[in-house]
């Protein structure tokens, strides 16, 4: 299904980077020549509290902001969104459009039989990915879990390209450090800090690519087609 716009709701917990993920997706879409808006939605700003972010990507200008009530895609960053109801909408898939996609970061099924039936009746596809495990394997830190979620939604919907994501990650995380005419010791410290940042950037990109490939293969195998028209 080719659409003029795709609305993505990212549901997670504080500290997981859902807000950053939406921002990176929007930046990548802009680089691809599309229009995009991202915005966060959360209550208490503390770790493990419910947190949501929204990303709207399309080929026409987008004017609406705020809570995304009817998403095409829902991404679940943490199992507790489902198992403990840590979501601002209950059930967590409330409002999802017919023919949509649910992406869940888990290596085991989490949905009840009733939830499975409800989503099936709506022709909604459910994709599980061991996002945190992949982040640990590729990037060496669970903090890159949001990179697996970025790669997953991009791999399934093709709403942004890998080239766009690469550029967005460079812009978001790869700001250059400029060594001034300071001491040699200071310059060396700056170079080391930059080297570490470059390494982190590459690991994040590698994590995105791994998830993108896994998700794209799943979508092709299961005939899941949900994409944004070319700009």
C-alpha atoms as a PDB file:
ATOM      1  CA  UNK A   1       0.000   0.000   0.000  1.00  0.00           C
ATOM      2  CA  UNK A   2       1.580   3.279  -1.146  1.00  0.00           C
ATOM      3  CA  UNK A   3       0.477   6.263   0.929  1.00  0.00           C
ATOM      4  CA  UNK A   4       1.047   9.992   0.700  1.00  0.00           C
ATOM      5  CA  UNK A   5       1.882  10.006   4.398  1.00  0.00           C
ATOM      6  CA  UNK A   6       2.820   7.570   7.138  1.00  0.00           C
ATOM      7  CA  UNK A   7       2.229   8.314  10.807  1.00  0.00           C
ATOM      8  CA  UNK A   8       4.475   6.525  13.311  1.00  0.00           C
ATOM      9  CA  UNK A   9       3.818   6.300  17.042  1.00  0.00           C
ATOM     10  CA  UNK A  10       6.788   5.272  19.165  1.00  0.00           C
ATOM     11  CA  UNK A  11       5.895   3.994  22.636  1.00  0.00           C
ATOM     12  CA  UNK A  12       8.642   3.364  25.141  1.00  0.00           C
ATOM     13  CA  UNK A  13      10.013   4.224  28.539  1.00  0.00           C
ATOM     14  CA  UNK A  14      12.026   7.216  29.647  1.00  0.00           C
ATOM     15  CA  UNK A  15      15.706   6.933  28.754  1.00  0.00           C
ATOM     16  CA  UNK A  16      15.246   4.620  25.763  1.00  0.00           C
ATOM     17  CA  UNK A  17      15.680   7.302  23.137  1.00  0.00           C
ATOM     18  CA  UNK A  18      12.218   7.235  21.570  1.00  0.00           C
ATOM     19  CA  UNK A  19      12.299  11.022  21.187  1.00  0.00           C
ATOM     20  CA  UNK A  20      15.711  10.850  19.505  1.00  0.00           C
ATOM     21  CA  UNK A  21      14.473   8.073  17.205  1.00  0.00           C
ATOM     22  CA  UNK A  22      11.558  10.182  15.960  1.00  0.00           C
ATOM     23  CA  UNK A  23      13.862  13.158  15.449  1.00  0.00           C
ATOM     24  CA  UNK A  24      16.374  11.108  13.428  1.00  0.00           C
ATOM     25  CA  UNK A  25      13.587   9.651  11.277  1.00  0.00           C
ATOM     26  CA  UNK A  26      12.243  13.125  10.511  1.00  0.00           C
ATOM     27  CA  UNK A  27      15.718  14.412   9.667  1.00  0.00           C
ATOM     28  CA  UNK A  28      16.296  11.454   7.340  1.00  0.00           C
ATOM     29  CA  UNK A  29      12.967  12.062   5.590  1.00  0.00           C
ATOM     30  CA  UNK A  30      13.895  15.707   5.019  1.00  0.00           C
ATOM     31  CA  UNK A  31      17.180  14.591   3.480  1.00  0.00           C
ATOM     32  CA  UNK A  32      15.208  12.311   1.172  1.00  0.00           C
ATOM     33  CA  UNK A  33      13.187  15.275  -0.053  1.00  0.00           C
ATOM     34  CA  UNK A  34      10.050  14.459   1.936  1.00  0.00           C
ATOM     35  CA  UNK A  35       8.211  16.519   4.525  1.00  0.00           C
ATOM     36  CA  UNK A  36       8.347  15.432   8.167  1.00  0.00           C
ATOM     37  CA  UNK A  37       7.481  16.516  11.689  1.00  0.00           C
ATOM     38  CA  UNK A  38       8.488  14.828  14.946  1.00  0.00           C
ATOM     39  CA  UNK A  39       7.426  15.656  18.455  1.00  0.00           C
ATOM     40  CA  UNK A  40       7.548  14.068  21.927  1.00  0.00           C
ATOM     41  CA  UNK A  41       4.750  13.355  24.382  1.00  0.00           C
ATOM     42  CA  UNK A  42       5.506  12.435  27.984  1.00  0.00           C
ATOM     43  CA  UNK A  43       4.555  13.143  31.582  1.00  0.00           C
ATOM     44  CA  UNK A  44       7.149  12.748  34.301  1.00  0.00           C
ATOM     45  CA  UNK A  45      10.631  13.103  32.824  1.00  0.00           C
ATOM     46  CA  UNK A  46      12.224  10.168  34.586  1.00  0.00           C
ATOM     47  CA  UNK A  47      13.774   6.892  33.582  1.00  0.00           C
ATOM     48  CA  UNK A  48      11.335   4.003  33.004  1.00  0.00           C
ATOM     49  CA  UNK A  49       8.277   6.276  33.020  1.00  0.00           C
ATOM     50  CA  UNK A  50       6.010   6.064  29.927  1.00  0.00           C
ATOM     51  CA  UNK A  51       7.278   8.135  27.005  1.00  0.00           C
ATOM     52  CA  UNK A  52       5.980   8.516  23.474  1.00  0.00           C
ATOM     53  CA  UNK A  53       7.122  10.288  20.365  1.00  0.00           C
ATOM     54  CA  UNK A  54       5.505  10.776  16.988  1.00  0.00           C
ATOM     55  CA  UNK A  55       6.886  11.055  13.494  1.00  0.00           C
ATOM     56  CA  UNK A  56       4.827  12.083  10.491  1.00  0.00           C
ATOM     57  CA  UNK A  57       6.429  11.608   7.061  1.00  0.00           C
ATOM     58  CA  UNK A  58       4.837  12.466   3.722  1.00  0.00           C
ATOM     59  CA  UNK A  59       5.169  14.001   0.270  1.00  0.00           C
ATOM     60  CA  UNK A  60       3.055  17.042   1.118  1.00  0.00           C
ATOM     61  CA  UNK A  61       3.493  19.707   3.772  1.00  0.00           C
ATOM     62  CA  UNK A  62       2.431  18.581   7.253  1.00  0.00           C
ATOM     63  CA  UNK A  63       0.752  21.046   9.570  1.00  0.00           C
ATOM     64  CA  UNK A  64      -0.713  18.934  12.378  1.00  0.00           C
ATOM     65  CA  UNK A  65       1.278  18.283  15.532  1.00  0.00           C
ATOM     66  CA  UNK A  66       0.522  16.901  18.954  1.00  0.00           C
ATOM     67  CA  UNK A  67      -0.612  13.435  19.929  1.00  0.00           C
ATOM     68  CA  UNK A  68      -0.855  10.954  17.076  1.00  0.00           C
ATOM     69  CA  UNK A  69      -4.225   9.272  17.564  1.00  0.00           C
ATOM     70  CA  UNK A  70      -4.446   7.189  14.374  1.00  0.00           C
ATOM     71  CA  UNK A  71      -1.004   5.798  13.517  1.00  0.00           C
ATOM     72  CA  UNK A  72      -0.085   3.621  10.558  1.00  0.00           C
ATOM     73  CA  UNK A  73       2.810   2.149  12.512  1.00  0.00           C
ATOM     74  CA  UNK A  74       3.255   1.593  16.237  1.00  0.00           C
ATOM     75  CA  UNK A  75       6.687   0.820  17.621  1.00  0.00           C
ATOM     76  CA  UNK A  76       6.977  -0.683  21.108  1.00  0.00           C
ATOM     77  CA  UNK A  77      10.420   0.044  22.500  1.00  0.00           C
ATOM     78  CA  UNK A  78      10.030  -1.926  25.752  1.00  0.00           C
ATOM     79  CA  UNK A  79       7.952  -5.015  26.689  1.00  0.00           C
ATOM     80  CA  UNK A  80       6.550  -3.197  29.756  1.00  0.00           C
ATOM     81  CA  UNK A  81       4.543  -0.985  27.400  1.00  0.00           C
ATOM     82  CA  UNK A  82       2.467  -4.126  26.823  1.00  0.00           C
ATOM     83  CA  UNK A  83       2.985  -6.306  29.912  1.00  0.00           C
ATOM     84  CA  UNK A  84       2.578  -3.520  32.487  1.00  0.00           C
ATOM     85  CA  UNK A  85       0.414  -1.108  30.521  1.00  0.00           C
ATOM     86  CA  UNK A  86       3.037   1.641  30.470  1.00  0.00           C
ATOM     87  CA  UNK A  87       1.355   3.439  27.602  1.00  0.00           C
ATOM     88  CA  UNK A  88      -0.681   6.610  27.274  1.00  0.00           C
ATOM     89  CA  UNK A  89      -3.208   4.727  25.167  1.00  0.00           C
ATOM     90  CA  UNK A  90      -4.802   1.454  26.243  1.00  0.00           C
ATOM     91  CA  UNK A  91      -4.607  -0.975  24.721  1.00  0.00           C
ATOM     92  CA  UNK A  92      -1.238   0.135  23.362  1.00  0.00           C
ATOM     93  CA  UNK A  93      -2.423  -0.362  19.758  1.00  0.00           C
ATOM     94  CA  UNK A  94      -5.470   1.850  20.184  1.00  0.00           C
ATOM     95  CA  UNK A  95      -6.238   3.820  17.016  1.00  0.00           C
ATOM     96  CA  UNK A  96      -3.995   1.894  14.653  1.00  0.00           C
ATOM     97  CA  UNK A  97      -5.225   2.065  11.084  1.00  0.00           C
ATOM     98  CA  UNK A  98      -6.372  -0.943   9.104  1.00  0.00           C
ATOM     99  CA  UNK A  99      -3.455  -2.494   7.254  1.00  0.00           C
ATOM    100  CA  UNK A 100      -0.947  -1.022   9.675  1.00  0.00           C
ATOM    101  CA  UNK A 101       2.117  -2.525  11.315  1.00  0.00           C
ATOM    102  CA  UNK A 102       3.079  -3.107  14.953  1.00  0.00           C
ATOM    103  CA  UNK A 103       6.808  -3.453  15.663  1.00  0.00           C
ATOM    104  CA  UNK A 104       7.714  -4.879  19.076  1.00  0.00           C
ATOM    105  CA  UNK A 105      11.139  -5.000  20.698  1.00  0.00           C
ATOM    106  CA  UNK A 106      11.029  -8.496  22.182  1.00  0.00           C
ATOM    107  CA  UNK A 107      12.442 -11.922  21.455  1.00  0.00           C
ATOM    108  CA  UNK A 108       9.273 -13.640  22.727  1.00  0.00           C
ATOM    109  CA  UNK A 109       5.571 -13.133  21.851  1.00  0.00           C
ATOM    110  CA  UNK A 110       3.815 -10.711  24.208  1.00  0.00           C
ATOM    111  CA  UNK A 111       0.307 -10.317  22.821  1.00  0.00           C
ATOM    112  CA  UNK A 112      -2.723 -12.094  24.244  1.00  0.00           C
ATOM    113  CA  UNK A 113      -4.919 -14.227  22.018  1.00  0.00           C
ATOM    114  CA  UNK A 114      -7.510 -11.457  22.112  1.00  0.00           C
ATOM    115  CA  UNK A 115      -4.976  -8.850  20.984  1.00  0.00           C
ATOM    116  CA  UNK A 116      -3.755 -11.108  18.191  1.00  0.00           C
ATOM    117  CA  UNK A 117      -7.326 -11.574  16.946  1.00  0.00           C
ATOM    118  CA  UNK A 118      -8.108  -7.854  17.128  1.00  0.00           C
ATOM    119  CA  UNK A 119      -5.019  -6.926  15.112  1.00  0.00           C
ATOM    120  CA  UNK A 120      -5.653  -9.725  12.618  1.00  0.00           C
ATOM    121  CA  UNK A 121      -9.211  -8.476  12.057  1.00  0.00           C
ATOM    122  CA  UNK A 122      -7.723  -5.073  11.236  1.00  0.00           C
ATOM    123  CA  UNK A 123      -5.213  -6.694   8.874  1.00  0.00           C
ATOM    124  CA  UNK A 124      -2.419  -5.329  11.063  1.00  0.00           C
ATOM    125  CA  UNK A 125       0.927  -7.124  10.777  1.00  0.00           C
ATOM    126  CA  UNK A 126       3.023  -7.744  13.906  1.00  0.00           C
ATOM    127  CA  UNK A 127       6.805  -7.854  13.722  1.00  0.00           C
ATOM    128  CA  UNK A 128       8.926  -8.934  16.689  1.00  0.00           C
ATOM    129  CA  UNK A 129      12.596  -8.030  16.743  1.00  0.00           C
ATOM    130  CA  UNK A 130      15.132  -8.651  19.516  1.00  0.00           C
ATOM    131  CA  UNK A 131      16.135  -5.007  19.385  1.00  0.00           C
ATOM    132  CA  UNK A 132      18.011  -4.797  22.666  1.00  0.00           C
ATOM    133  CA  UNK A 133      19.913  -8.013  21.945  1.00  0.00           C
ATOM    134  CA  UNK A 134      20.950  -6.692  18.524  1.00  0.00           C
ATOM    135  CA  UNK A 135      22.030  -3.388  20.082  1.00  0.00           C
ATOM    136  CA  UNK A 136      24.229  -5.244  22.573  1.00  0.00           C
ATOM    137  CA  UNK A 137      25.720  -7.481  19.874  1.00  0.00           C
ATOM    138  CA  UNK A 138      26.446  -4.755  17.338  1.00  0.00           C
ATOM    139  CA  UNK A 139      26.940  -1.555  19.336  1.00  0.00           C
ATOM    140  CA  UNK A 140      27.917  -3.060  22.676  1.00  0.00           C
ATOM    141  CA  UNK A 141      25.271  -1.112  24.582  1.00  0.00           C
ATOM    142  CA  UNK A 142      21.520  -1.351  25.140  1.00  0.00           C
ATOM    143  CA  UNK A 143      21.404   2.429  24.663  1.00  0.00           C
ATOM    144  CA  UNK A 144      21.433   1.744  20.922  1.00  0.00           C
ATOM    145  CA  UNK A 145      18.109  -0.088  21.128  1.00  0.00           C
ATOM    146  CA  UNK A 146      16.462   2.945  19.538  1.00  0.00           C
ATOM    147  CA  UNK A 147      18.741   2.426  16.536  1.00  0.00           C
ATOM    148  CA  UNK A 148      17.224  -1.035  16.003  1.00  0.00           C
ATOM    149  CA  UNK A 149      13.761   0.495  16.135  1.00  0.00           C
ATOM    150  CA  UNK A 150      14.759   3.118  13.565  1.00  0.00           C
ATOM    151  CA  UNK A 151      16.148   0.419  11.286  1.00  0.00           C
ATOM    152  CA  UNK A 152      13.061  -1.752  11.735  1.00  0.00           C
ATOM    153  CA  UNK A 153      10.483   0.828  10.693  1.00  0.00           C
ATOM    154  CA  UNK A 154      12.668   2.016   7.811  1.00  0.00           C
ATOM    155  CA  UNK A 155      13.232  -1.536   6.607  1.00  0.00           C
ATOM    156  CA  UNK A 156       9.526  -2.375   6.599  1.00  0.00           C
ATOM    157  CA  UNK A 157       8.040   0.858   5.260  1.00  0.00           C
ATOM    158  CA  UNK A 158      10.956   2.318   3.252  1.00  0.00           C
ATOM    159  CA  UNK A 159       9.665   5.705   4.429  1.00  0.00           C
ATOM    160  CA  UNK A 160      13.297   6.847   4.624  1.00  0.00           C
ATOM    161  CA  UNK A 161      16.399   5.600   2.839  1.00  0.00           C
ATOM    162  CA  UNK A 162      19.598   4.285   4.394  1.00  0.00           C
ATOM    163  CA  UNK A 163      21.373   7.218   2.772  1.00  0.00           C
ATOM    164  CA  UNK A 164      18.995   9.599   4.509  1.00  0.00           C
ATOM    165  CA  UNK A 165      19.479   7.832   7.826  1.00  0.00           C
ATOM    166  CA  UNK A 166      23.254   7.902   7.450  1.00  0.00           C
ATOM    167  CA  UNK A 167      23.165  11.648   6.889  1.00  0.00           C
ATOM    168  CA  UNK A 168      20.721  12.203   9.751  1.00  0.00           C
ATOM    169  CA  UNK A 169      22.887  10.237  12.175  1.00  0.00           C
ATOM    170  CA  UNK A 170      25.954  12.179  11.054  1.00  0.00           C
ATOM    171  CA  UNK A 171      24.101  15.414  11.690  1.00  0.00           C
ATOM    172  CA  UNK A 172      22.650  14.287  15.024  1.00  0.00           C
ATOM    173  CA  UNK A 173      25.721  12.627  16.531  1.00  0.00           C
ATOM    174  CA  UNK A 174      28.713  13.439  14.347  1.00  0.00           C
ATOM    175  CA  UNK A 175      29.339  17.093  15.062  1.00  0.00           C
ATOM    176  CA  UNK A 176      33.006  17.837  14.425  1.00  0.00           C
ATOM    177  CA  UNK A 177      35.277  18.946  17.240  1.00  0.00           C
ATOM    178  CA  UNK A 178      37.525  21.824  16.261  1.00  0.00           C
ATOM    179  CA  UNK A 179      40.982  21.914  17.820  1.00  0.00           C
ATOM    180  CA  UNK A 180      42.038  25.514  18.334  1.00  0.00           C
ATOM    181  CA  UNK A 181      45.447  26.925  19.010  1.00  0.00           C
ATOM    182  CA  UNK A 182      45.523  25.440  22.499  1.00  0.00           C
ATOM    183  CA  UNK A 183      48.114  23.234  24.077  1.00  0.00           C
ATOM    184  CA  UNK A 184      49.141  19.924  22.560  1.00  0.00           C
ATOM    185  CA  UNK A 185      47.607  18.115  25.538  1.00  0.00           C
ATOM    186  CA  UNK A 186      44.231  19.765  24.969  1.00  0.00           C
ATOM    187  CA  UNK A 187      44.356  19.045  21.246  1.00  0.00           C
ATOM    188  CA  UNK A 188      45.120  15.378  21.930  1.00  0.00           C
ATOM    189  CA  UNK A 189      42.189  15.137  24.362  1.00  0.00           C
ATOM    190  CA  UNK A 190      39.885  16.610  21.728  1.00  0.00           C
ATOM    191  CA  UNK A 191      41.116  14.121  19.114  1.00  0.00           C
ATOM    192  CA  UNK A 192      40.487  11.195  21.452  1.00  0.00           C
ATOM    193  CA  UNK A 193      36.996  12.459  22.250  1.00  0.00           C
ATOM    194  CA  UNK A 194      36.263  12.841  18.545  1.00  0.00           C
ATOM    195  CA  UNK A 195      37.585   9.338  17.828  1.00  0.00           C
ATOM    196  CA  UNK A 196      35.235   7.886  20.450  1.00  0.00           C
ATOM    197  CA  UNK A 197      32.323   9.799  18.972  1.00  0.00           C
ATOM    198  CA  UNK A 198      33.153   8.556  15.478  1.00  0.00           C
ATOM    199  CA  UNK A 199      33.237   4.992  16.793  1.00  0.00           C
ATOM    200  CA  UNK A 200      29.850   5.424  18.474  1.00  0.00           C
ATOM    201  CA  UNK A 201      28.408   6.884  15.275  1.00  0.00           C
ATOM    202  CA  UNK A 202      29.620   3.926  13.226  1.00  0.00           C
ATOM    203  CA  UNK A 203      28.238   1.433  15.743  1.00  0.00           C
ATOM    204  CA  UNK A 204      24.866   3.162  15.712  1.00  0.00           C
ATOM    205  CA  UNK A 205      24.798   3.083  11.919  1.00  0.00           C
ATOM    206  CA  UNK A 206      25.764  -0.598  11.883  1.00  0.00           C
ATOM    207  CA  UNK A 207      22.925  -1.318  14.320  1.00  0.00           C
ATOM    208  CA  UNK A 208      20.435   0.508  12.106  1.00  0.00           C
ATOM    209  CA  UNK A 209      21.641  -1.448   9.069  1.00  0.00           C
ATOM    210  CA  UNK A 210      21.339  -4.811  10.827  1.00  0.00           C
ATOM    211  CA  UNK A 211      17.754  -4.117  11.935  1.00  0.00           C
ATOM    212  CA  UNK A 212      16.870  -2.655   8.524  1.00  0.00           C
ATOM    213  CA  UNK A 213      17.972  -5.838   6.774  1.00  0.00           C
ATOM    214  CA  UNK A 214      16.115  -8.132   9.181  1.00  0.00           C
ATOM    215  CA  UNK A 215      12.921  -6.071   8.929  1.00  0.00           C
ATOM    216  CA  UNK A 216      13.088  -5.742   5.138  1.00  0.00           C
ATOM    217  CA  UNK A 217      13.489  -9.509   4.744  1.00  0.00           C
ATOM    218  CA  UNK A 218      10.526 -10.126   7.069  1.00  0.00           C
ATOM    219  CA  UNK A 219       8.343  -7.663   5.155  1.00  0.00           C
ATOM    220  CA  UNK A 220       9.188  -9.277   1.825  1.00  0.00           C
ATOM    221  CA  UNK A 221       8.613 -12.798   3.157  1.00  0.00           C
ATOM    222  CA  UNK A 222       5.231 -11.857   4.656  1.00  0.00           C
ATOM    223  CA  UNK A 223       4.101  -9.611   1.784  1.00  0.00           C
ATOM    224  CA  UNK A 224       3.814  -6.577   4.038  1.00  0.00           C
ATOM    225  CA  UNK A 225       3.556  -3.457   1.906  1.00  0.00           C
ATOM    226  CA  UNK A 226       3.263  -0.079   3.581  1.00  0.00           C
ATOM    227  CA  UNK A 227       5.292   2.708   2.047  1.00  0.00           C
ATOM    228  CA  UNK A 228       5.389   6.449   1.425  1.00  0.00           C
ATOM    229  CA  UNK A 229       5.193   7.597  -2.182  1.00  0.00           C
ATOM    230  CA  UNK A 230       8.364   9.047  -3.677  1.00  0.00           C
ATOM    231  CA  UNK A 231       8.856  12.736  -3.106  1.00  0.00           C
END
